[in-house]
Structure formats: structure tokens, C-alpha cells
Amino acid sequence: MKKLSIFIAVILTITLLLPQGCTKDTLVDDFMCEENERITYDDVRSILTTKCSQNTACHVPSGVSPDYTSYEKALPSLKEDGFENRVIVVGDMPVAGWPQLDSLEFYKIRCWIEGGYLEE
């Protein structure tokens, strides 16, 4: 019985001292936009409206932030002001506390960017 207790104690000690298997896992993003799918401003307009303009009062006409309410107003700032970096890479937009993008919205915006910010 004493040998069994020692054996169990040794196994538990080894188990606790071994590195845990999930500590260095990383998210693998293998999503790819469909080659023949054309995502346009019309496809993402409602996302930009609900997540960036209407509910936040941020990206609106005469606002402090760039205006995303029309393609003509949005395009220059989207390309120059780091929209892709903030939304796709860093992921700090929309800011915490405001309505966040769900996965479908995120990938739709990502494919729109990868497709060249098409208007129509």
C-alpha cells in the first residue's frame, strides 16, 4: 500500500511539473475571401452605419472622426487613416463599449478591403 501511495504521489508531482499543453496555442486564421465574390460599399454600408456611425455618433458628417456615411466621403479616410489596421489587424475598432462586429461582419469588411474597397 505504501508503494502505491508513493507511486501516486510521484505521478501527481510529475503531472503538475510538466508544462501545460495549451499555454502557447495561437488562433489560426485560415479564412480566405472567395475569389469570385465582389463585396462592395453597398454590402458593407449597413455595417458601417450601425457599428461606426449611427449607434456611436463617431463617423458622421461634421464629426471629429472621418465620415463613413457615403462612399465618396469614406474612401479617402478608409485608405489613409488606417481603417484596415484598426479594424482588421489591431481590432480596436469599434471601440470597447460600442456595438462590436460579429464574425460575418468582420469577414465581409475584410473581403471588401482585400477586394480593393469596391463601390459597386
C-alpha atoms as a PDB file:
ATOM      1  CA  MET A   1       0.000   0.000   0.000  1.00  0.00           C
ATOM      2  CA  LYS A   2       2.889   2.331   0.808  1.00  0.00           C
ATOM      3  CA  LYS A   3       4.415   1.729  -2.646  1.00  0.00           C
ATOM      4  CA  LEU A   4       1.088   2.591  -4.300  1.00  0.00           C
ATOM      5  CA  SER A   5       0.869   5.842  -2.328  1.00  0.00           C
ATOM      6  CA  ILE A   6       4.421   6.776  -3.323  1.00  0.00           C
ATOM      7  CA  PHE A   7       3.710   5.883  -6.958  1.00  0.00           C
ATOM      8  CA  ILE A   8       0.585   8.071  -6.995  1.00  0.00           C
ATOM      9  CA  ALA A   9       2.483  10.938  -5.341  1.00  0.00           C
ATOM     10  CA  VAL A  10       5.270  10.691  -7.949  1.00  0.00           C
ATOM     11  CA  ILE A  11       2.788  10.629 -10.851  1.00  0.00           C
ATOM     12  CA  LEU A  12       0.904  13.648  -9.477  1.00  0.00           C
ATOM     13  CA  THR A  13       4.158  15.558  -8.943  1.00  0.00           C
ATOM     14  CA  ILE A  14       5.374  14.835 -12.480  1.00  0.00           C
ATOM     15  CA  THR A  15       1.997  15.789 -13.933  1.00  0.00           C
ATOM     16  CA  LEU A  16       1.971  19.098 -12.082  1.00  0.00           C
ATOM     17  CA  LEU A  17       5.559  19.930 -13.027  1.00  0.00           C
ATOM     18  CA  LEU A  18       5.214  19.212 -16.742  1.00  0.00           C
ATOM     19  CA  PRO A  19       4.408  22.214 -18.938  1.00  0.00           C
ATOM     20  CA  GLN A  20       0.732  22.500 -19.704  1.00  0.00           C
ATOM     21  CA  GLY A  21      -0.155  21.750 -23.330  1.00  0.00           C
ATOM     22  CA  CYS A  22      -2.392  24.722 -24.181  1.00  0.00           C
ATOM     23  CA  THR A  23      -0.325  27.626 -22.924  1.00  0.00           C
ATOM     24  CA  LYS A  24       1.135  28.607 -26.289  1.00  0.00           C
ATOM     25  CA  ASP A  25      -1.782  27.954 -28.604  1.00  0.00           C
ATOM     26  CA  THR A  26      -2.462  30.608 -31.202  1.00  0.00           C
ATOM     27  CA  LEU A  27      -5.516  31.293 -33.280  1.00  0.00           C
ATOM     28  CA  VAL A  28      -5.033  30.135 -36.838  1.00  0.00           C
ATOM     29  CA  ASP A  29      -6.864  32.385 -39.245  1.00  0.00           C
ATOM     30  CA  ASP A  30      -7.266  30.362 -42.400  1.00  0.00           C
ATOM     31  CA  PHE A  31     -10.270  32.281 -43.703  1.00  0.00           C
ATOM     32  CA  MET A  32      -9.975  33.296 -47.326  1.00  0.00           C
ATOM     33  CA  CYS A  33     -12.263  35.545 -49.304  1.00  0.00           C
ATOM     34  CA  GLU A  34     -13.954  33.906 -52.280  1.00  0.00           C
ATOM     35  CA  GLU A  35     -12.130  34.835 -55.483  1.00  0.00           C
ATOM     36  CA  ASN A  36     -15.291  35.498 -57.467  1.00  0.00           C
ATOM     37  CA  GLU A  37     -17.171  37.259 -54.661  1.00  0.00           C
ATOM     38  CA  ARG A  38     -17.455  41.008 -55.098  1.00  0.00           C
ATOM     39  CA  ILE A  39     -18.057  42.816 -51.823  1.00  0.00           C
ATOM     40  CA  THR A  40     -18.982  46.449 -52.458  1.00  0.00           C
ATOM     41  CA  TYR A  41     -19.686  49.515 -50.371  1.00  0.00           C
ATOM     42  CA  ASP A  42     -23.378  48.700 -50.681  1.00  0.00           C
ATOM     43  CA  ASP A  43     -22.645  45.358 -48.957  1.00  0.00           C
ATOM     44  CA  VAL A  44     -20.836  46.973 -46.012  1.00  0.00           C
ATOM     45  CA  ARG A  45     -22.774  50.241 -45.772  1.00  0.00           C
ATOM     46  CA  SER A  46     -25.196  48.875 -43.167  1.00  0.00           C
ATOM     47  CA  ILE A  47     -22.295  47.579 -41.065  1.00  0.00           C
ATOM     48  CA  LEU A  48     -20.511  50.929 -41.194  1.00  0.00           C
ATOM     49  CA  THR A  49     -23.765  52.688 -40.389  1.00  0.00           C
ATOM     50  CA  THR A  50     -24.736  50.581 -37.385  1.00  0.00           C
ATOM     51  CA  LYS A  51     -21.287  49.909 -35.954  1.00  0.00           C
ATOM     52  CA  CYS A  52     -19.393  53.104 -36.844  1.00  0.00           C
ATOM     53  CA  SER A  53     -21.873  55.930 -37.370  1.00  0.00           C
ATOM     54  CA  GLN A  54     -25.480  55.639 -36.247  1.00  0.00           C
ATOM     55  CA  ASN A  55     -25.013  53.948 -32.865  1.00  0.00           C
ATOM     56  CA  THR A  56     -21.728  55.638 -31.996  1.00  0.00           C
ATOM     57  CA  ALA A  57     -22.099  59.146 -33.442  1.00  0.00           C
ATOM     58  CA  CYS A  58     -18.408  58.891 -34.393  1.00  0.00           C
ATOM     59  CA  HIS A  59     -18.056  58.552 -38.161  1.00  0.00           C
ATOM     60  CA  VAL A  60     -20.776  61.013 -39.141  1.00  0.00           C
ATOM     61  CA  PRO A  61     -20.890  64.292 -41.099  1.00  0.00           C
ATOM     62  CA  SER A  62     -19.194  67.118 -39.188  1.00  0.00           C
ATOM     63  CA  GLY A  63     -17.933  64.653 -36.599  1.00  0.00           C
ATOM     64  CA  VAL A  64     -14.457  64.507 -35.112  1.00  0.00           C
ATOM     65  CA  SER A  65     -13.732  61.207 -36.878  1.00  0.00           C
ATOM     66  CA  PRO A  66     -13.795  60.590 -40.642  1.00  0.00           C
ATOM     67  CA  ASP A  67     -17.289  60.423 -42.149  1.00  0.00           C
ATOM     68  CA  TYR A  68     -18.313  56.900 -43.289  1.00  0.00           C
ATOM     69  CA  THR A  69     -21.882  57.761 -44.283  1.00  0.00           C
ATOM     70  CA  SER A  70     -21.164  57.819 -48.020  1.00  0.00           C
ATOM     71  CA  TYR A  71     -18.634  56.111 -50.247  1.00  0.00           C
ATOM     72  CA  GLU A  72     -17.255  59.411 -51.555  1.00  0.00           C
ATOM     73  CA  LYS A  73     -16.640  60.721 -48.036  1.00  0.00           C
ATOM     74  CA  ALA A  74     -15.455  57.428 -46.584  1.00  0.00           C
ATOM     75  CA  LEU A  75     -12.997  56.172 -49.196  1.00  0.00           C
ATOM     76  CA  PRO A  76     -10.146  58.665 -48.722  1.00  0.00           C
ATOM     77  CA  SER A  77     -10.108  58.258 -44.957  1.00  0.00           C
ATOM     78  CA  LEU A  78     -10.546  54.481 -45.109  1.00  0.00           C
ATOM     79  CA  LYS A  79      -7.414  54.133 -47.198  1.00  0.00           C
ATOM     80  CA  GLU A  80      -5.323  56.797 -45.471  1.00  0.00           C
ATOM     81  CA  ASP A  81      -6.310  56.702 -41.805  1.00  0.00           C
ATOM     82  CA  GLY A  82      -5.531  53.082 -41.013  1.00  0.00           C
ATOM     83  CA  PHE A  83      -9.047  51.648 -41.206  1.00  0.00           C
ATOM     84  CA  GLU A  84      -7.703  48.203 -42.117  1.00  0.00           C
ATOM     85  CA  ASN A  85      -5.157  48.275 -39.310  1.00  0.00           C
ATOM     86  CA  ARG A  86      -7.634  49.434 -36.659  1.00  0.00           C
ATOM     87  CA  VAL A  87     -10.491  47.100 -37.662  1.00  0.00           C
ATOM     88  CA  ILE A  88      -8.731  44.007 -39.022  1.00  0.00           C
ATOM     89  CA  VAL A  89      -5.181  43.876 -37.642  1.00  0.00           C
ATOM     90  CA  VAL A  90      -5.329  45.522 -34.205  1.00  0.00           C
ATOM     91  CA  GLY A  91      -9.061  45.047 -33.746  1.00  0.00           C
ATOM     92  CA  ASP A  92      -9.626  48.078 -31.527  1.00  0.00           C
ATOM     93  CA  MET A  93     -12.438  49.442 -33.693  1.00  0.00           C
ATOM     94  CA  PRO A  94     -15.249  49.665 -32.942  1.00  0.00           C
ATOM     95  CA  VAL A  95     -14.024  50.740 -29.521  1.00  0.00           C
ATOM     96  CA  ALA A  96     -14.983  48.755 -26.451  1.00  0.00           C
ATOM     97  CA  GLY A  97     -18.411  49.612 -25.164  1.00  0.00           C
ATOM     98  CA  TRP A  98     -19.901  50.178 -28.616  1.00  0.00           C
ATOM     99  CA  PRO A  99     -21.600  47.527 -30.774  1.00  0.00           C
ATOM    100  CA  GLN A 100     -18.899  45.100 -31.923  1.00  0.00           C
ATOM    101  CA  LEU A 101     -18.583  43.344 -35.268  1.00  0.00           C
ATOM    102  CA  ASP A 102     -19.788  39.771 -35.397  1.00  0.00           C
ATOM    103  CA  SER A 103     -17.691  37.299 -37.397  1.00  0.00           C
ATOM    104  CA  LEU A 104     -19.751  37.667 -40.580  1.00  0.00           C
ATOM    105  CA  GLU A 105     -19.492  41.471 -40.465  1.00  0.00           C
ATOM    106  CA  PHE A 106     -15.765  41.256 -39.751  1.00  0.00           C
ATOM    107  CA  TYR A 107     -15.090  38.986 -42.710  1.00  0.00           C
ATOM    108  CA  LYS A 108     -17.348  40.972 -45.014  1.00  0.00           C
ATOM    109  CA  ILE A 109     -15.374  44.131 -44.229  1.00  0.00           C
ATOM    110  CA  ARG A 110     -12.109  42.219 -44.555  1.00  0.00           C
ATOM    111  CA  CYS A 111     -13.089  40.897 -48.005  1.00  0.00           C
ATOM    112  CA  TRP A 112     -14.217  44.373 -49.048  1.00  0.00           C
ATOM    113  CA  ILE A 113     -10.787  45.733 -48.115  1.00  0.00           C
ATOM    114  CA  GLU A 114      -8.951  42.845 -49.796  1.00  0.00           C
ATOM    115  CA  GLY A 115     -11.097  43.363 -52.892  1.00  0.00           C
ATOM    116  CA  GLY A 116      -9.991  46.994 -53.168  1.00  0.00           C
ATOM    117  CA  TYR A 117     -12.823  48.914 -51.448  1.00  0.00           C
ATOM    118  CA  LEU A 118     -15.187  48.492 -54.405  1.00  0.00           C
ATOM    119  CA  GLU A 119     -18.046  50.973 -54.686  1.00  0.00           C
ATOM    120  CA  GLU A 120     -20.374  48.905 -56.886  1.00  0.00           C
END
